[in-house]
Amino acid sequence: MRQIAKAVAVYRCDYPGCDRRFAASGHLARHRRVHTGERRFVCPYEGCGGRFSRKDNMMQHYRTHFGIRVRRPKKA
């Protein structure tokens, strides 16, 4: 049987009172937006104005304007 090594969480959030750690610097950068409230991705649908911290969340929302649903596989 193959063993998969767990990633070492070396990137630590320096926000006061937060003890979250991450194995990838990009994950820490994404997490920081929780504290800053930064929402740089704006829904392009005219008149919506929805703002999101992540592009994938904005795109998921954007598709709701057109009735497009993406089905995810059911977990076993």
N, C-alpha and C. Protein backbone atom coordinates (compact mmCIF):
# COMPACT_ATOMS: atom_id res chain seq x y z
N MET A 1 0.82 -1.19 0.00
CA MET A 1 0.00 0.00 0.00
C MET A 1 0.87 1.25 0.00
N ARG A 2 0.53 2.21 -0.84
CA ARG A 2 1.27 3.47 -0.90
C ARG A 2 0.83 4.41 0.20
N GLN A 3 1.77 5.11 0.79
CA GLN A 3 1.42 6.11 1.79
C GLN A 3 1.56 7.49 1.16
N ILE A 4 0.65 8.35 1.52
CA ILE A 4 0.70 9.72 1.02
C ILE A 4 1.14 10.61 2.17
N ALA A 5 2.21 11.35 1.93
CA ALA A 5 2.73 12.23 2.97
C ALA A 5 1.80 13.42 3.14
N LYS A 6 1.54 13.79 4.38
CA LYS A 6 0.73 14.97 4.65
C LYS A 6 1.58 16.21 4.44
N ALA A 7 0.98 17.22 3.86
CA ALA A 7 1.69 18.48 3.65
C ALA A 7 1.91 19.16 5.00
N VAL A 8 3.05 19.76 5.15
CA VAL A 8 3.37 20.46 6.38
C VAL A 8 2.85 21.89 6.26
N ALA A 9 2.04 22.29 7.22
CA ALA A 9 1.46 23.63 7.21
C ALA A 9 2.47 24.63 7.76
N VAL A 10 3.21 25.25 6.87
CA VAL A 10 4.28 26.16 7.28
C VAL A 10 3.91 27.64 7.15
N TYR A 11 2.85 27.95 6.43
CA TYR A 11 2.43 29.34 6.25
C TYR A 11 1.36 29.68 7.29
N ARG A 12 1.70 30.60 8.18
CA ARG A 12 0.82 30.92 9.30
C ARG A 12 0.17 32.28 9.10
N CYS A 13 -1.11 32.35 9.41
CA CYS A 13 -1.84 33.62 9.34
C CYS A 13 -1.37 34.50 10.49
N ASP A 14 -1.01 35.74 10.18
CA ASP A 14 -0.51 36.64 11.21
C ASP A 14 -1.59 37.61 11.72
N TYR A 15 -2.84 37.37 11.34
CA TYR A 15 -3.92 38.22 11.83
C TYR A 15 -4.12 37.95 13.32
N PRO A 16 -4.26 39.01 14.13
CA PRO A 16 -4.42 38.83 15.58
C PRO A 16 -5.58 37.89 15.93
N GLY A 17 -5.29 36.89 16.73
CA GLY A 17 -6.30 35.94 17.18
C GLY A 17 -6.56 34.78 16.23
N CYS A 18 -5.90 34.76 15.09
CA CYS A 18 -6.10 33.68 14.13
C CYS A 18 -4.89 32.75 14.18
N ASP A 19 -5.15 31.47 14.32
CA ASP A 19 -4.04 30.51 14.40
C ASP A 19 -4.01 29.56 13.21
N ARG A 20 -4.67 29.93 12.12
CA ARG A 20 -4.72 29.05 10.94
C ARG A 20 -3.36 28.94 10.29
N ARG A 21 -3.05 27.75 9.78
CA ARG A 21 -1.80 27.47 9.07
C ARG A 21 -2.13 26.76 7.77
N PHE A 22 -1.26 26.96 6.78
CA PHE A 22 -1.50 26.41 5.46
C PHE A 22 -0.23 25.83 4.87
N ALA A 23 -0.38 24.84 4.02
CA ALA A 23 0.76 24.20 3.38
C ALA A 23 1.19 24.96 2.13
N ALA A 24 0.33 25.79 1.59
CA ALA A 24 0.65 26.53 0.37
C ALA A 24 0.45 28.03 0.60
N SER A 25 1.37 28.82 0.10
CA SER A 25 1.28 30.27 0.29
C SER A 25 0.02 30.85 -0.36
N GLY A 26 -0.41 30.25 -1.46
CA GLY A 26 -1.62 30.71 -2.12
C GLY A 26 -2.87 30.51 -1.28
N HIS A 27 -2.88 29.44 -0.51
CA HIS A 27 -4.02 29.19 0.37
C HIS A 27 -4.06 30.21 1.49
N LEU A 28 -2.88 30.58 1.99
CA LEU A 28 -2.82 31.63 3.01
C LEU A 28 -3.30 32.95 2.43
N ALA A 29 -2.88 33.28 1.22
CA ALA A 29 -3.31 34.53 0.58
C ALA A 29 -4.82 34.55 0.42
N ARG A 30 -5.41 33.43 0.02
CA ARG A 30 -6.86 33.33 -0.13
C ARG A 30 -7.54 33.50 1.23
N HIS A 31 -6.97 32.88 2.26
CA HIS A 31 -7.53 32.97 3.61
C HIS A 31 -7.51 34.41 4.14
N ARG A 32 -6.45 35.14 3.85
CA ARG A 32 -6.33 36.52 4.37
C ARG A 32 -7.51 37.39 3.97
N ARG A 33 -8.12 37.10 2.83
CA ARG A 33 -9.27 37.89 2.39
C ARG A 33 -10.46 37.74 3.33
N VAL A 34 -10.48 36.69 4.13
CA VAL A 34 -11.51 36.54 5.16
C VAL A 34 -11.40 37.69 6.15
N HIS A 35 -10.19 38.04 6.50
CA HIS A 35 -9.95 39.09 7.49
C HIS A 35 -10.06 40.49 6.89
N THR A 36 -9.62 40.66 5.65
CA THR A 36 -9.60 42.00 5.04
C THR A 36 -10.94 42.38 4.42
N GLY A 37 -11.74 41.38 4.09
CA GLY A 37 -13.02 41.65 3.45
C GLY A 37 -12.89 42.01 1.97
N GLU A 38 -11.69 41.84 1.42
CA GLU A 38 -11.45 42.17 0.01
C GLU A 38 -12.31 41.29 -0.89
N ARG A 39 -13.06 41.92 -1.78
CA ARG A 39 -13.90 41.22 -2.75
C ARG A 39 -13.67 41.86 -4.11
N ARG A 40 -12.59 41.44 -4.77
CA ARG A 40 -12.18 42.10 -6.00
C ARG A 40 -12.86 41.57 -7.26
N PHE A 41 -13.58 40.47 -7.18
CA PHE A 41 -14.23 39.91 -8.36
C PHE A 41 -15.70 40.33 -8.37
N VAL A 42 -16.08 41.08 -9.41
CA VAL A 42 -17.42 41.63 -9.52
C VAL A 42 -18.20 40.86 -10.58
N CYS A 43 -19.43 40.50 -10.25
CA CYS A 43 -20.28 39.79 -11.22
C CYS A 43 -20.49 40.69 -12.44
N PRO A 44 -20.18 40.17 -13.64
CA PRO A 44 -20.31 40.99 -14.85
C PRO A 44 -21.75 41.12 -15.36
N TYR A 45 -22.68 40.44 -14.74
CA TYR A 45 -24.07 40.52 -15.19
C TYR A 45 -24.60 41.93 -14.92
N GLU A 46 -25.14 42.55 -15.94
CA GLU A 46 -25.59 43.94 -15.83
C GLU A 46 -26.64 44.11 -14.73
N GLY A 47 -26.37 45.04 -13.83
CA GLY A 47 -27.31 45.34 -12.75
C GLY A 47 -27.16 44.49 -11.51
N CYS A 48 -26.27 43.51 -11.52
CA CYS A 48 -26.12 42.63 -10.35
C CYS A 48 -25.25 43.28 -9.29
N GLY A 49 -24.00 43.51 -9.60
CA GLY A 49 -23.09 44.13 -8.64
C GLY A 49 -22.58 43.22 -7.55
N GLY A 50 -22.86 41.92 -7.63
CA GLY A 50 -22.34 40.98 -6.63
C GLY A 50 -20.82 40.97 -6.62
N ARG A 51 -20.23 40.93 -5.44
CA ARG A 51 -18.77 40.94 -5.30
C ARG A 51 -18.33 39.70 -4.55
N PHE A 52 -17.16 39.16 -4.96
CA PHE A 52 -16.67 37.92 -4.41
C PHE A 52 -15.17 37.98 -4.18
N SER A 53 -14.71 37.22 -3.20
CA SER A 53 -13.27 37.20 -2.90
C SER A 53 -12.52 36.22 -3.80
N ARG A 54 -13.26 35.31 -4.43
CA ARG A 54 -12.63 34.32 -5.31
C ARG A 54 -13.34 34.29 -6.66
N LYS A 55 -12.54 34.16 -7.72
CA LYS A 55 -13.10 34.14 -9.07
C LYS A 55 -14.02 32.94 -9.28
N ASP A 56 -13.65 31.78 -8.75
CA ASP A 56 -14.49 30.60 -8.95
C ASP A 56 -15.86 30.79 -8.30
N ASN A 57 -15.92 31.47 -7.15
CA ASN A 57 -17.21 31.73 -6.51
C ASN A 57 -18.04 32.72 -7.34
N MET A 58 -17.36 33.73 -7.91
CA MET A 58 -18.07 34.69 -8.75
C MET A 58 -18.64 34.00 -9.98
N MET A 59 -17.85 33.12 -10.62
CA MET A 59 -18.33 32.43 -11.81
C MET A 59 -19.49 31.49 -11.49
N GLN A 60 -19.41 30.85 -10.34
CA GLN A 60 -20.51 29.97 -9.92
C GLN A 60 -21.79 30.80 -9.76
N HIS A 61 -21.67 31.97 -9.14
CA HIS A 61 -22.81 32.87 -8.97
C HIS A 61 -23.31 33.37 -10.32
N TYR A 62 -22.39 33.79 -11.19
CA TYR A 62 -22.73 34.36 -12.50
C TYR A 62 -23.61 33.40 -13.29
N ARG A 63 -23.29 32.13 -13.23
CA ARG A 63 -24.08 31.13 -13.96
C ARG A 63 -25.52 31.06 -13.47
N THR A 64 -25.78 31.47 -12.23
CA THR A 64 -27.16 31.42 -11.72
C THR A 64 -28.07 32.38 -12.48
N HIS A 65 -27.51 33.41 -13.08
CA HIS A 65 -28.31 34.36 -13.85
C HIS A 65 -28.86 33.72 -15.12
N PHE A 66 -28.28 32.62 -15.55
CA PHE A 66 -28.67 31.97 -16.79
C PHE A 66 -29.29 30.59 -16.55
N GLY A 67 -29.49 30.24 -15.32
CA GLY A 67 -30.08 28.95 -15.00
C GLY A 67 -29.16 27.77 -15.24
N ILE A 68 -27.86 28.02 -15.30
CA ILE A 68 -26.89 26.94 -15.53
C ILE A 68 -26.46 26.37 -14.19
N ARG A 69 -26.66 25.08 -14.03
CA ARG A 69 -26.25 24.42 -12.79
C ARG A 69 -25.21 23.37 -13.12
N VAL A 70 -24.19 23.33 -12.32
CA VAL A 70 -23.14 22.33 -12.50
C VAL A 70 -23.33 21.29 -11.42
N ARG A 71 -23.56 20.06 -11.84
CA ARG A 71 -23.76 18.99 -10.86
C ARG A 71 -22.41 18.44 -10.42
N ARG A 72 -22.29 18.25 -9.14
CA ARG A 72 -21.07 17.66 -8.60
C ARG A 72 -21.36 16.20 -8.28
N PRO A 73 -20.38 15.34 -8.44
CA PRO A 73 -20.61 13.93 -8.13
C PRO A 73 -20.96 13.74 -6.66
N LYS A 74 -21.85 12.80 -6.42
CA LYS A 74 -22.23 12.50 -5.04
C LYS A 74 -21.09 11.81 -4.33
N LYS A 75 -20.91 12.17 -3.08
CA LYS A 75 -19.87 11.52 -2.28
C LYS A 75 -20.39 10.18 -1.79
N ALA A 76 -19.52 9.21 -1.77
CA ALA A 76 -19.91 7.86 -1.36
C ALA A 76 -20.12 7.78 0.13
